[in-house]
Amino acid sequence: MSLTRVAVYRRRIAASIERVRENVLDWEHLPWLHAESFGHVRLLERRRGGFRAETSTRREDGEPMAERDAFEIDVAFEEGGLEYHSRTLTGRGAGADIVTRLTPDGSATEIEVEFLVPDVPAERIERVGAGFLALYARLWDQDEVMMVRRQALLDGVLPRGSREVCVDGERLRHATVCPHLGGPLESAPVEEGCITCPWHGYRFDVRTGCSVDGRGLRLATSRVA
């Protein structure tokens, strides 16, 4: 099996190398922050500097692919943490290797992504490459917003606000920063008394602040007098 370089994507990210590495290893956010691109994710293995997971993409109409179209990916940093591979191990696109190189530049990071795809005929290289470029532009746009907010929270420059909502006729107030990794909750809908973080899908009962998906986290909530 031969690999063909179908495209190279370059951009400057307004986030430090620490935030970028954190984002790369954050497997949970794929079907939430990138909901229009990924259908699901299931962690298979976590290790220092990488992970292996089952995931899937979405069809052009936004619906998730059938279960049989799931594929397995392996994400691994090289020693030094300035290069990582996203390899497709099984399923759709098996054999592909997406190589990302990182260059720290103060509070920003330069990235270069090389797309290596197996057995692509010459007449399809441009089309396949264009698809990867469009996908990665969208993914990095979304990731950059998350990383910038996360850094602002860590630096203490983003206020930790609250929002007032009404559940079953009762006025309640909840924090607008997710206790997991700081996801934005100020616009998240309240459904059956629960709120879901748009970054990672963590759910909380706004009446009690308790996690409703088995995680040991608590959202700050209170009743409005």
N, C-alpha and C. Protein backbone atom coordinates (compact mmCIF):
# COMPACT_ATOMS: atom_id res chain seq x y z
N MET A 1 0.85 -1.20 0.00
CA MET A 1 0.00 0.00 0.00
C MET A 1 0.88 1.24 0.00
N SER A 2 0.66 2.09 -0.98
CA SER A 2 1.44 3.33 -1.07
C SER A 2 0.60 4.51 -0.59
N LEU A 3 1.27 5.46 0.06
CA LEU A 3 0.59 6.65 0.56
C LEU A 3 0.89 7.83 -0.38
N THR A 4 -0.16 8.59 -0.67
CA THR A 4 -0.04 9.76 -1.53
C THR A 4 -0.33 11.01 -0.72
N ARG A 5 0.53 12.00 -0.83
CA ARG A 5 0.25 13.29 -0.19
C ARG A 5 -0.75 14.04 -1.05
N VAL A 6 -1.96 14.21 -0.51
CA VAL A 6 -3.02 14.84 -1.30
C VAL A 6 -3.14 16.33 -1.04
N ALA A 7 -2.62 16.81 0.11
CA ALA A 7 -2.71 18.24 0.42
C ALA A 7 -1.87 18.53 1.65
N VAL A 8 -1.57 19.82 1.84
CA VAL A 8 -0.90 20.31 3.05
C VAL A 8 -1.67 21.53 3.52
N TYR A 9 -2.01 21.54 4.82
CA TYR A 9 -2.78 22.65 5.40
C TYR A 9 -1.88 23.39 6.39
N ARG A 10 -1.83 24.71 6.27
CA ARG A 10 -1.01 25.53 7.17
C ARG A 10 -1.84 26.68 7.73
N ARG A 11 -1.60 26.99 8.99
CA ARG A 11 -2.23 28.16 9.59
C ARG A 11 -1.57 28.48 10.92
N ARG A 12 -1.85 29.66 11.41
CA ARG A 12 -1.37 30.11 12.72
C ARG A 12 -2.54 30.06 13.68
N ILE A 13 -2.36 29.40 14.80
CA ILE A 13 -3.40 29.26 15.80
C ILE A 13 -3.10 30.20 16.97
N ALA A 14 -4.10 30.96 17.40
CA ALA A 14 -3.92 31.91 18.50
C ALA A 14 -4.04 31.20 19.85
N ALA A 15 -3.24 30.16 20.01
CA ALA A 15 -3.22 29.39 21.26
C ALA A 15 -1.83 28.82 21.46
N SER A 16 -1.43 28.69 22.70
CA SER A 16 -0.10 28.21 23.02
C SER A 16 0.06 26.73 22.68
N ILE A 17 1.29 26.28 22.64
CA ILE A 17 1.56 24.88 22.37
C ILE A 17 0.93 23.99 23.44
N GLU A 18 0.85 24.48 24.69
CA GLU A 18 0.24 23.70 25.76
C GLU A 18 -1.24 23.45 25.49
N ARG A 19 -1.95 24.49 25.03
CA ARG A 19 -3.37 24.34 24.74
C ARG A 19 -3.57 23.44 23.52
N VAL A 20 -2.70 23.56 22.53
CA VAL A 20 -2.84 22.73 21.34
C VAL A 20 -2.64 21.26 21.69
N ARG A 21 -1.62 20.95 22.47
CA ARG A 21 -1.40 19.56 22.88
C ARG A 21 -2.58 19.04 23.69
N GLU A 22 -3.10 19.86 24.58
CA GLU A 22 -4.27 19.47 25.37
C GLU A 22 -5.44 19.15 24.46
N ASN A 23 -5.62 19.97 23.44
CA ASN A 23 -6.72 19.78 22.51
C ASN A 23 -6.56 18.50 21.69
N VAL A 24 -5.35 18.22 21.25
CA VAL A 24 -5.09 17.03 20.45
C VAL A 24 -5.45 15.76 21.21
N LEU A 25 -5.15 15.72 22.51
CA LEU A 25 -5.38 14.53 23.32
C LEU A 25 -6.81 14.47 23.88
N ASP A 26 -7.61 15.48 23.58
CA ASP A 26 -8.98 15.56 24.10
C ASP A 26 -9.94 14.82 23.15
N TRP A 27 -9.98 13.51 23.28
CA TRP A 27 -10.82 12.68 22.40
C TRP A 27 -12.31 12.94 22.61
N GLU A 28 -12.72 13.35 23.80
CA GLU A 28 -14.15 13.47 24.13
C GLU A 28 -14.86 14.54 23.32
N HIS A 29 -14.16 15.55 22.86
CA HIS A 29 -14.85 16.68 22.24
C HIS A 29 -15.29 16.43 20.80
N LEU A 30 -14.80 15.35 20.18
CA LEU A 30 -15.04 15.15 18.75
C LEU A 30 -16.51 15.23 18.34
N PRO A 31 -17.44 14.44 18.95
CA PRO A 31 -18.82 14.49 18.47
C PRO A 31 -19.64 15.64 19.06
N TRP A 32 -19.03 16.48 19.88
CA TRP A 32 -19.76 17.59 20.51
C TRP A 32 -19.34 18.92 19.92
N LEU A 33 -18.09 19.29 20.08
CA LEU A 33 -17.61 20.54 19.47
C LEU A 33 -17.68 20.44 17.95
N HIS A 34 -17.44 19.24 17.42
CA HIS A 34 -17.46 19.01 15.97
C HIS A 34 -18.67 18.16 15.59
N ALA A 35 -19.83 18.55 16.09
CA ALA A 35 -21.03 17.71 15.94
C ALA A 35 -21.44 17.51 14.49
N GLU A 36 -21.13 18.47 13.61
CA GLU A 36 -21.53 18.32 12.21
C GLU A 36 -20.54 17.45 11.43
N SER A 37 -19.42 17.08 12.06
CA SER A 37 -18.40 16.29 11.38
C SER A 37 -18.31 14.86 11.90
N PHE A 38 -18.47 14.67 13.22
CA PHE A 38 -18.32 13.35 13.83
C PHE A 38 -19.63 12.87 14.43
N GLY A 39 -19.89 11.57 14.25
CA GLY A 39 -21.12 11.00 14.76
C GLY A 39 -21.04 10.51 16.19
N HIS A 40 -19.90 9.92 16.57
CA HIS A 40 -19.73 9.40 17.93
C HIS A 40 -18.24 9.19 18.17
N VAL A 41 -17.89 8.93 19.41
CA VAL A 41 -16.53 8.53 19.74
C VAL A 41 -16.58 7.57 20.92
N ARG A 42 -15.74 6.55 20.88
CA ARG A 42 -15.64 5.58 21.98
C ARG A 42 -14.17 5.29 22.22
N LEU A 43 -13.71 5.63 23.43
CA LEU A 43 -12.31 5.45 23.75
C LEU A 43 -11.99 3.96 23.87
N LEU A 44 -10.91 3.55 23.21
CA LEU A 44 -10.46 2.16 23.28
C LEU A 44 -9.18 2.03 24.10
N GLU A 45 -8.34 3.03 24.05
CA GLU A 45 -7.08 2.99 24.80
C GLU A 45 -6.58 4.41 25.01
N ARG A 46 -6.13 4.68 26.23
CA ARG A 46 -5.51 5.97 26.51
C ARG A 46 -4.10 5.70 27.03
N ARG A 47 -3.15 6.47 26.56
CA ARG A 47 -1.78 6.31 27.00
C ARG A 47 -1.08 7.66 26.99
N ARG A 48 0.10 7.68 27.56
CA ARG A 48 0.87 8.93 27.58
C ARG A 48 1.16 9.36 26.14
N GLY A 49 0.71 10.55 25.80
CA GLY A 49 1.00 11.09 24.48
C GLY A 49 0.12 10.58 23.36
N GLY A 50 -1.02 9.96 23.70
CA GLY A 50 -1.88 9.50 22.62
C GLY A 50 -3.09 8.72 23.08
N PHE A 51 -3.90 8.30 22.12
CA PHE A 51 -5.08 7.49 22.41
C PHE A 51 -5.50 6.75 21.15
N ARG A 52 -6.33 5.74 21.35
CA ARG A 52 -6.95 5.00 20.26
C ARG A 52 -8.44 5.00 20.51
N ALA A 53 -9.24 5.26 19.47
CA ALA A 53 -10.68 5.38 19.64
C ALA A 53 -11.42 4.94 18.39
N GLU A 54 -12.67 4.54 18.60
CA GLU A 54 -13.58 4.29 17.49
C GLU A 54 -14.40 5.55 17.28
N THR A 55 -14.59 5.93 16.03
CA THR A 55 -15.38 7.11 15.74
C THR A 55 -16.09 6.93 14.39
N SER A 56 -16.82 7.93 13.99
CA SER A 56 -17.53 7.91 12.71
C SER A 56 -17.73 9.34 12.25
N THR A 57 -18.00 9.49 10.97
CA THR A 57 -18.29 10.81 10.44
C THR A 57 -19.79 10.93 10.17
N ARG A 58 -20.19 12.11 9.76
CA ARG A 58 -21.60 12.34 9.41
C ARG A 58 -21.75 12.45 7.90
N ARG A 59 -22.94 12.10 7.42
CA ARG A 59 -23.23 12.22 6.00
C ARG A 59 -23.43 13.69 5.65
N GLU A 60 -23.53 13.98 4.37
CA GLU A 60 -23.72 15.36 3.93
C GLU A 60 -25.03 15.95 4.45
N ASP A 61 -26.03 15.09 4.74
CA ASP A 61 -27.29 15.61 5.28
C ASP A 61 -27.26 15.78 6.79
N GLY A 62 -26.10 15.54 7.41
CA GLY A 62 -25.96 15.74 8.84
C GLY A 62 -26.25 14.53 9.69
N GLU A 63 -26.79 13.48 9.09
CA GLU A 63 -27.10 12.27 9.84
C GLU A 63 -25.83 11.43 10.03
N PRO A 64 -25.73 10.72 11.19
CA PRO A 64 -24.54 9.89 11.40
C PRO A 64 -24.49 8.73 10.42
N MET A 65 -23.28 8.30 10.11
CA MET A 65 -23.09 7.14 9.26
C MET A 65 -23.61 5.90 9.98
N ALA A 66 -23.88 4.83 9.21
CA ALA A 66 -24.29 3.57 9.81
C ALA A 66 -23.15 3.02 10.66
N GLU A 67 -23.51 2.18 11.64
CA GLU A 67 -22.51 1.63 12.56
C GLU A 67 -21.40 0.89 11.81
N ARG A 68 -21.76 0.27 10.70
CA ARG A 68 -20.75 -0.47 9.94
C ARG A 68 -19.69 0.44 9.33
N ASP A 69 -19.97 1.74 9.28
CA ASP A 69 -19.02 2.68 8.70
C ASP A 69 -18.09 3.30 9.74
N ALA A 70 -18.18 2.83 11.00
CA ALA A 70 -17.27 3.32 12.03
C ALA A 70 -15.84 2.93 11.68
N PHE A 71 -14.89 3.71 12.14
CA PHE A 71 -13.49 3.41 11.90
C PHE A 71 -12.69 3.67 13.17
N GLU A 72 -11.50 3.13 13.19
CA GLU A 72 -10.65 3.23 14.37
C GLU A 72 -9.47 4.14 14.06
N ILE A 73 -9.20 5.07 14.97
CA ILE A 73 -8.09 6.00 14.79
C ILE A 73 -7.10 5.86 15.94
N ASP A 74 -5.86 6.19 15.65
CA ASP A 74 -4.82 6.22 16.68
C ASP A 74 -4.10 7.56 16.57
N VAL A 75 -4.10 8.29 17.67
CA VAL A 75 -3.44 9.60 17.71
C VAL A 75 -2.23 9.48 18.62
N ALA A 76 -1.06 9.85 18.13
CA ALA A 76 0.17 9.66 18.90
C ALA A 76 1.17 10.77 18.63
N PHE A 77 1.66 11.39 19.71
CA PHE A 77 2.73 12.37 19.60
C PHE A 77 4.07 11.67 19.45
N GLU A 78 4.93 12.26 18.63
CA GLU A 78 6.31 11.83 18.58
C GLU A 78 7.04 12.39 19.80
N GLU A 79 8.19 11.81 20.12
CA GLU A 79 8.99 12.30 21.23
C GLU A 79 9.32 13.78 21.01
N GLY A 80 9.13 14.57 22.04
CA GLY A 80 9.36 16.01 21.94
C GLY A 80 8.07 16.80 21.84
N GLY A 81 6.98 16.14 21.44
CA GLY A 81 5.67 16.79 21.44
C GLY A 81 5.44 17.84 20.39
N LEU A 82 6.23 17.85 19.31
CA LEU A 82 6.06 18.86 18.27
C LEU A 82 5.53 18.26 16.97
N GLU A 83 5.25 16.98 16.98
CA GLU A 83 4.69 16.31 15.80
C GLU A 83 3.81 15.17 16.29
N TYR A 84 2.65 15.03 15.64
CA TYR A 84 1.80 13.89 15.98
C TYR A 84 1.15 13.32 14.73
N HIS A 85 0.81 12.04 14.84
CA HIS A 85 0.17 11.32 13.74
C HIS A 85 -1.26 10.97 14.13
N SER A 86 -2.18 11.15 13.21
CA SER A 86 -3.55 10.66 13.36
C SER A 86 -3.74 9.59 12.28
N ARG A 87 -3.64 8.35 12.69
CA ARG A 87 -3.68 7.24 11.74
C ARG A 87 -5.04 6.55 11.78
N THR A 88 -5.55 6.19 10.62
CA THR A 88 -6.77 5.40 10.55
C THR A 88 -6.35 3.94 10.46
N LEU A 89 -6.75 3.16 11.49
CA LEU A 89 -6.29 1.78 11.59
C LEU A 89 -7.21 0.79 10.89
N THR A 90 -8.51 1.00 11.07
CA THR A 90 -9.48 0.09 10.48
C THR A 90 -10.67 0.88 9.95
N GLY A 91 -11.46 0.24 9.09
CA GLY A 91 -12.68 0.87 8.59
C GLY A 91 -12.40 1.83 7.45
N ARG A 92 -13.33 2.73 7.27
CA ARG A 92 -13.25 3.69 6.17
C ARG A 92 -11.96 4.51 6.24
N GLY A 93 -11.20 4.54 5.16
CA GLY A 93 -9.97 5.31 5.12
C GLY A 93 -8.78 4.64 5.78
N ALA A 94 -8.89 3.33 6.05
CA ALA A 94 -7.80 2.62 6.72
C ALA A 94 -6.48 2.82 5.98
N GLY A 95 -5.45 3.07 6.74
CA GLY A 95 -4.12 3.28 6.17
C GLY A 95 -3.72 4.74 6.07
N ALA A 96 -4.67 5.66 6.16
CA ALA A 96 -4.36 7.08 6.06
C ALA A 96 -3.54 7.52 7.28
N ASP A 97 -2.65 8.45 7.05
CA ASP A 97 -1.81 9.00 8.11
C ASP A 97 -1.80 10.51 7.95
N ILE A 98 -2.36 11.22 8.93
CA ILE A 98 -2.39 12.68 8.91
C ILE A 98 -1.32 13.16 9.89
N VAL A 99 -0.30 13.81 9.37
CA VAL A 99 0.86 14.21 10.16
C VAL A 99 0.78 15.71 10.43
N THR A 100 0.78 16.09 11.71
CA THR A 100 0.70 17.50 12.08
C THR A 100 1.98 17.91 12.79
N ARG A 101 2.59 18.98 12.32
CA ARG A 101 3.82 19.51 12.91
C ARG A 101 3.51 20.86 13.55
N LEU A 102 4.00 21.04 14.76
CA LEU A 102 3.71 22.23 15.55
C LEU A 102 4.97 23.04 15.79
N THR A 103 4.85 24.35 15.64
CA THR A 103 5.97 25.25 15.91
C THR A 103 5.50 26.32 16.89
N PRO A 104 5.95 26.26 18.15
CA PRO A 104 5.53 27.27 19.14
C PRO A 104 6.04 28.65 18.76
N ASP A 105 5.20 29.66 19.01
CA ASP A 105 5.59 31.05 18.76
C ASP A 105 4.94 31.92 19.84
N GLY A 106 5.53 31.89 21.03
CA GLY A 106 4.97 32.63 22.15
C GLY A 106 3.61 32.07 22.54
N SER A 107 2.60 32.91 22.50
CA SER A 107 1.25 32.49 22.87
C SER A 107 0.49 31.92 21.68
N ALA A 108 1.16 31.76 20.55
CA ALA A 108 0.54 31.22 19.34
C ALA A 108 1.30 29.97 18.90
N THR A 109 0.73 29.25 17.94
CA THR A 109 1.34 28.03 17.42
C THR A 109 1.13 27.96 15.91
N GLU A 110 2.21 27.75 15.19
CA GLU A 110 2.12 27.51 13.75
C GLU A 110 1.90 26.02 13.53
N ILE A 111 0.95 25.67 12.66
CA ILE A 111 0.69 24.26 12.39
C ILE A 111 0.85 23.97 10.90
N GLU A 112 1.30 22.77 10.62
CA GLU A 112 1.38 22.27 9.25
C GLU A 112 0.85 20.85 9.27
N VAL A 113 -0.17 20.60 8.47
CA VAL A 113 -0.82 19.29 8.44
C VAL A 113 -0.62 18.67 7.06
N GLU A 114 -0.05 17.48 7.02
CA GLU A 114 0.19 16.77 5.78
C GLU A 114 -0.75 15.57 5.71
N PHE A 115 -1.51 15.47 4.65
CA PHE A 115 -2.50 14.41 4.50
C PHE A 115 -1.95 13.32 3.58
N LEU A 116 -1.71 12.15 4.15
CA LEU A 116 -1.18 11.01 3.41
C LEU A 116 -2.26 9.94 3.32
N VAL A 117 -2.70 9.65 2.11
CA VAL A 117 -3.86 8.78 1.90
C VAL A 117 -3.44 7.62 1.00
N PRO A 118 -3.89 6.40 1.31
CA PRO A 118 -3.46 5.24 0.53
C PRO A 118 -4.16 5.14 -0.82
N ASP A 119 -3.38 4.75 -1.82
CA ASP A 119 -3.89 4.32 -3.12
C ASP A 119 -4.86 5.32 -3.76
N VAL A 120 -4.43 6.57 -3.86
CA VAL A 120 -5.26 7.59 -4.52
C VAL A 120 -4.78 7.76 -5.95
N PRO A 121 -5.64 7.51 -6.94
CA PRO A 121 -5.22 7.72 -8.33
C PRO A 121 -4.96 9.19 -8.60
N ALA A 122 -4.10 9.47 -9.55
CA ALA A 122 -3.66 10.84 -9.83
C ALA A 122 -4.82 11.78 -10.11
N GLU A 123 -5.83 11.27 -10.82
CA GLU A 123 -6.95 12.14 -11.20
C GLU A 123 -7.84 12.52 -10.02
N ARG A 124 -7.68 11.87 -8.85
CA ARG A 124 -8.52 12.17 -7.70
C ARG A 124 -7.77 12.92 -6.60
N ILE A 125 -6.49 13.14 -6.77
CA ILE A 125 -5.70 13.77 -5.71
C ILE A 125 -6.24 15.14 -5.34
N GLU A 126 -6.51 15.97 -6.33
CA GLU A 126 -6.98 17.33 -6.05
C GLU A 126 -8.31 17.32 -5.32
N ARG A 127 -9.23 16.47 -5.75
CA ARG A 127 -10.55 16.43 -5.12
C ARG A 127 -10.46 15.91 -3.69
N VAL A 128 -9.70 14.83 -3.46
CA VAL A 128 -9.55 14.30 -2.11
C VAL A 128 -8.87 15.33 -1.21
N GLY A 129 -7.84 15.97 -1.74
CA GLY A 129 -7.14 16.99 -0.96
C GLY A 129 -8.04 18.15 -0.57
N ALA A 130 -8.88 18.59 -1.49
CA ALA A 130 -9.79 19.71 -1.21
C ALA A 130 -10.75 19.35 -0.08
N GLY A 131 -11.19 18.09 -0.05
CA GLY A 131 -12.08 17.66 1.03
C GLY A 131 -11.40 17.72 2.38
N PHE A 132 -10.16 17.27 2.45
CA PHE A 132 -9.40 17.34 3.71
C PHE A 132 -9.16 18.78 4.14
N LEU A 133 -8.82 19.64 3.20
CA LEU A 133 -8.55 21.04 3.54
C LEU A 133 -9.79 21.72 4.10
N ALA A 134 -10.94 21.49 3.49
CA ALA A 134 -12.18 22.10 3.99
C ALA A 134 -12.52 21.58 5.38
N LEU A 135 -12.36 20.26 5.57
CA LEU A 135 -12.66 19.67 6.88
C LEU A 135 -11.75 20.24 7.96
N TYR A 136 -10.46 20.29 7.70
CA TYR A 136 -9.53 20.73 8.73
C TYR A 136 -9.62 22.22 9.00
N ALA A 137 -9.97 23.02 8.02
CA ALA A 137 -10.21 24.44 8.27
C ALA A 137 -11.35 24.60 9.27
N ARG A 138 -12.42 23.84 9.08
CA ARG A 138 -13.56 23.91 10.00
C ARG A 138 -13.19 23.39 11.39
N LEU A 139 -12.50 22.27 11.46
CA LEU A 139 -12.14 21.70 12.76
C LEU A 139 -11.23 22.63 13.54
N TRP A 140 -10.21 23.19 12.88
CA TRP A 140 -9.31 24.08 13.59
C TRP A 140 -9.97 25.40 13.95
N ASP A 141 -10.90 25.89 13.14
CA ASP A 141 -11.67 27.09 13.52
C ASP A 141 -12.37 26.85 14.86
N GLN A 142 -13.04 25.71 14.97
CA GLN A 142 -13.78 25.40 16.19
C GLN A 142 -12.84 25.14 17.36
N ASP A 143 -11.76 24.41 17.11
CA ASP A 143 -10.80 24.13 18.18
C ASP A 143 -10.16 25.41 18.70
N GLU A 144 -9.86 26.33 17.80
CA GLU A 144 -9.19 27.57 18.21
C GLU A 144 -10.06 28.36 19.17
N VAL A 145 -11.36 28.44 18.89
CA VAL A 145 -12.28 29.14 19.80
C VAL A 145 -12.25 28.50 21.18
N MET A 146 -12.27 27.17 21.23
CA MET A 146 -12.24 26.47 22.51
C MET A 146 -10.93 26.73 23.24
N MET A 147 -9.81 26.65 22.53
CA MET A 147 -8.51 26.84 23.17
C MET A 147 -8.34 28.27 23.69
N VAL A 148 -8.80 29.26 22.93
CA VAL A 148 -8.68 30.66 23.36
C VAL A 148 -9.50 30.90 24.62
N ARG A 149 -10.73 30.36 24.66
CA ARG A 149 -11.56 30.53 25.86
C ARG A 149 -10.93 29.82 27.05
N ARG A 150 -10.44 28.62 26.83
CA ARG A 150 -9.81 27.86 27.90
C ARG A 150 -8.62 28.63 28.49
N GLN A 151 -7.80 29.23 27.64
CA GLN A 151 -6.66 29.99 28.13
C GLN A 151 -7.11 31.22 28.92
N ALA A 152 -8.15 31.89 28.42
CA ALA A 152 -8.67 33.06 29.12
C ALA A 152 -9.17 32.69 30.52
N LEU A 153 -9.80 31.53 30.64
CA LEU A 153 -10.25 31.07 31.94
C LEU A 153 -9.08 30.78 32.86
N LEU A 154 -8.07 30.10 32.33
CA LEU A 154 -6.89 29.77 33.13
C LEU A 154 -6.14 31.03 33.56
N ASP A 155 -6.16 32.04 32.70
CA ASP A 155 -5.47 33.30 33.02
C ASP A 155 -6.31 34.21 33.93
N GLY A 156 -7.56 33.84 34.15
CA GLY A 156 -8.42 34.64 35.03
C GLY A 156 -8.95 35.90 34.41
N VAL A 157 -8.92 35.99 33.07
CA VAL A 157 -9.39 37.21 32.41
C VAL A 157 -10.81 37.06 31.86
N LEU A 158 -11.38 35.86 31.95
CA LEU A 158 -12.76 35.65 31.52
C LEU A 158 -13.64 35.49 32.74
N PRO A 159 -14.61 36.40 32.92
CA PRO A 159 -15.46 36.34 34.11
C PRO A 159 -16.24 35.03 34.18
N ARG A 160 -16.38 34.51 35.38
CA ARG A 160 -17.18 33.31 35.60
C ARG A 160 -18.58 33.76 36.01
N GLY A 161 -19.45 33.93 34.99
CA GLY A 161 -20.77 34.47 35.22
C GLY A 161 -21.80 33.43 35.60
N SER A 162 -23.05 33.88 35.63
CA SER A 162 -24.17 32.99 35.94
C SER A 162 -25.36 33.38 35.08
N ARG A 163 -26.32 32.48 34.97
CA ARG A 163 -27.51 32.72 34.18
C ARG A 163 -28.74 32.28 34.96
N GLU A 164 -29.79 33.06 34.83
CA GLU A 164 -31.04 32.72 35.51
C GLU A 164 -31.96 32.00 34.53
N VAL A 165 -32.53 30.88 34.98
CA VAL A 165 -33.46 30.10 34.16
C VAL A 165 -34.67 29.74 35.01
N CYS A 166 -35.70 29.26 34.34
CA CYS A 166 -36.92 28.84 35.05
C CYS A 166 -37.18 27.38 34.71
N VAL A 167 -37.30 26.54 35.74
CA VAL A 167 -37.57 25.12 35.56
C VAL A 167 -38.79 24.75 36.41
N ASP A 168 -39.85 24.31 35.74
CA ASP A 168 -41.09 23.92 36.43
C ASP A 168 -41.59 25.04 37.34
N GLY A 169 -41.50 26.26 36.84
CA GLY A 169 -41.99 27.41 37.58
C GLY A 169 -41.04 27.93 38.66
N GLU A 170 -39.91 27.30 38.82
CA GLU A 170 -38.95 27.72 39.84
C GLU A 170 -37.78 28.47 39.19
N ARG A 171 -37.44 29.63 39.76
CA ARG A 171 -36.34 30.43 39.23
C ARG A 171 -35.03 29.93 39.83
N LEU A 172 -34.09 29.62 38.94
CA LEU A 172 -32.80 29.07 39.36
C LEU A 172 -31.67 29.84 38.69
N ARG A 173 -30.50 29.76 39.28
CA ARG A 173 -29.31 30.39 38.70
C ARG A 173 -28.22 29.33 38.62
N HIS A 174 -27.54 29.26 37.47
CA HIS A 174 -26.45 28.31 37.33
C HIS A 174 -25.22 28.99 36.75
N ALA A 175 -24.05 28.45 37.07
CA ALA A 175 -22.79 28.98 36.54
C ALA A 175 -22.74 28.77 35.03
N THR A 176 -22.11 29.69 34.33
CA THR A 176 -22.03 29.60 32.88
C THR A 176 -20.70 29.04 32.40
N VAL A 177 -19.93 28.48 33.33
CA VAL A 177 -18.66 27.83 32.99
C VAL A 177 -18.74 26.37 33.42
N CYS A 178 -18.59 25.46 32.48
CA CYS A 178 -18.66 24.04 32.80
C CYS A 178 -17.50 23.66 33.74
N PRO A 179 -17.77 22.91 34.80
CA PRO A 179 -16.71 22.54 35.74
C PRO A 179 -15.73 21.52 35.18
N HIS A 180 -15.99 21.00 33.98
CA HIS A 180 -15.06 20.04 33.39
C HIS A 180 -13.83 20.76 32.85
N LEU A 181 -13.96 21.40 31.69
CA LEU A 181 -12.83 22.13 31.11
C LEU A 181 -13.20 23.56 30.71
N GLY A 182 -14.28 24.07 31.32
CA GLY A 182 -14.61 25.47 31.10
C GLY A 182 -15.50 25.78 29.93
N GLY A 183 -16.24 24.79 29.45
CA GLY A 183 -17.12 25.01 28.31
C GLY A 183 -18.18 26.07 28.58
N PRO A 184 -18.68 26.74 27.52
CA PRO A 184 -19.66 27.82 27.67
C PRO A 184 -21.08 27.30 27.86
N LEU A 185 -21.71 27.72 28.94
CA LEU A 185 -23.07 27.27 29.24
C LEU A 185 -24.09 28.40 29.18
N GLU A 186 -23.65 29.61 28.82
CA GLU A 186 -24.56 30.75 28.87
C GLU A 186 -25.70 30.66 27.86
N SER A 187 -25.51 29.90 26.79
CA SER A 187 -26.56 29.78 25.78
C SER A 187 -27.07 28.36 25.64
N ALA A 188 -26.58 27.45 26.45
CA ALA A 188 -26.98 26.05 26.34
C ALA A 188 -28.44 25.88 26.75
N PRO A 189 -29.25 25.17 25.97
CA PRO A 189 -30.66 25.00 26.31
C PRO A 189 -30.84 24.14 27.56
N VAL A 190 -31.90 24.44 28.29
CA VAL A 190 -32.26 23.64 29.46
C VAL A 190 -33.39 22.72 29.05
N GLU A 191 -33.16 21.42 29.13
CA GLU A 191 -34.13 20.42 28.70
C GLU A 191 -34.41 19.45 29.84
N GLU A 192 -35.67 19.40 30.25
CA GLU A 192 -36.08 18.55 31.36
C GLU A 192 -35.23 18.82 32.60
N GLY A 193 -34.93 20.09 32.81
CA GLY A 193 -34.19 20.49 34.00
C GLY A 193 -32.70 20.28 33.90
N CYS A 194 -32.20 19.86 32.75
CA CYS A 194 -30.77 19.56 32.62
C CYS A 194 -30.13 20.43 31.53
N ILE A 195 -28.85 20.66 31.70
CA ILE A 195 -28.08 21.46 30.75
C ILE A 195 -26.90 20.62 30.28
N THR A 196 -26.57 20.74 29.00
CA THR A 196 -25.50 19.94 28.40
C THR A 196 -24.40 20.85 27.87
N CYS A 197 -23.15 20.57 28.23
CA CYS A 197 -22.02 21.36 27.75
C CYS A 197 -21.81 21.09 26.26
N PRO A 198 -21.72 22.13 25.43
CA PRO A 198 -21.54 21.93 23.99
C PRO A 198 -20.13 21.48 23.60
N TRP A 199 -19.19 21.51 24.52
CA TRP A 199 -17.82 21.08 24.21
C TRP A 199 -17.65 19.57 24.32
N HIS A 200 -18.18 18.99 25.39
CA HIS A 200 -17.92 17.57 25.67
C HIS A 200 -19.16 16.77 26.02
N GLY A 201 -20.32 17.40 26.05
CA GLY A 201 -21.56 16.66 26.32
C GLY A 201 -21.80 16.34 27.78
N TYR A 202 -21.07 16.95 28.70
CA TYR A 202 -21.31 16.70 30.12
C TYR A 202 -22.64 17.34 30.51
N ARG A 203 -23.47 16.58 31.26
CA ARG A 203 -24.83 17.04 31.59
C ARG A 203 -24.98 17.24 33.10
N PHE A 204 -25.73 18.30 33.45
CA PHE A 204 -25.94 18.63 34.85
C PHE A 204 -27.40 18.99 35.08
N ASP A 205 -27.91 18.64 36.24
CA ASP A 205 -29.25 19.03 36.67
C ASP A 205 -29.15 20.41 37.29
N VAL A 206 -29.81 21.41 36.67
CA VAL A 206 -29.67 22.78 37.17
C VAL A 206 -30.41 22.99 38.48
N ARG A 207 -31.26 22.03 38.88
CA ARG A 207 -31.95 22.15 40.16
C ARG A 207 -31.05 21.76 41.32
N THR A 208 -30.11 20.87 41.07
CA THR A 208 -29.24 20.38 42.14
C THR A 208 -27.76 20.61 41.86
N GLY A 209 -27.41 20.82 40.60
CA GLY A 209 -26.01 20.95 40.22
C GLY A 209 -25.31 19.62 40.00
N CYS A 210 -26.02 18.52 40.26
CA CYS A 210 -25.41 17.19 40.17
C CYS A 210 -25.21 16.76 38.72
N SER A 211 -24.16 15.99 38.50
CA SER A 211 -23.95 15.37 37.19
C SER A 211 -25.02 14.32 36.97
N VAL A 212 -25.56 14.25 35.76
CA VAL A 212 -26.59 13.26 35.46
C VAL A 212 -26.08 12.18 34.52
N ASP A 213 -24.76 12.17 34.28
CA ASP A 213 -24.21 11.14 33.41
C ASP A 213 -23.09 10.36 34.08
N GLY A 214 -23.13 10.32 35.41
CA GLY A 214 -22.21 9.46 36.14
C GLY A 214 -20.83 10.01 36.40
N ARG A 215 -20.59 11.27 36.09
CA ARG A 215 -19.27 11.85 36.31
C ARG A 215 -19.24 12.58 37.65
N GLY A 216 -18.11 12.58 38.28
CA GLY A 216 -17.99 13.18 39.61
C GLY A 216 -17.74 14.67 39.57
N LEU A 217 -18.58 15.40 38.89
CA LEU A 217 -18.47 16.85 38.81
C LEU A 217 -19.78 17.49 39.27
N ARG A 218 -19.67 18.75 39.67
CA ARG A 218 -20.87 19.45 40.15
C ARG A 218 -20.88 20.86 39.59
N LEU A 219 -22.02 21.28 39.08
CA LEU A 219 -22.20 22.62 38.55
C LEU A 219 -22.75 23.52 39.66
N ALA A 220 -22.18 24.71 39.80
CA ALA A 220 -22.66 25.65 40.81
C ALA A 220 -24.05 26.15 40.44
N THR A 221 -25.03 25.92 41.32
CA THR A 221 -26.40 26.36 41.10
C THR A 221 -26.97 26.92 42.40
N SER A 222 -28.05 27.70 42.28
CA SER A 222 -28.72 28.23 43.46
C SER A 222 -30.15 28.60 43.07
N ARG A 223 -30.99 28.73 44.08
CA ARG A 223 -32.36 29.19 43.85
C ARG A 223 -32.41 30.70 43.97
N VAL A 224 -33.25 31.31 43.12
CA VAL A 224 -33.38 32.76 43.14
C VAL A 224 -34.53 33.11 44.05
N ALA A 225 -34.25 33.95 45.04
CA ALA A 225 -35.28 34.33 46.01
C ALA A 225 -36.34 35.20 45.36
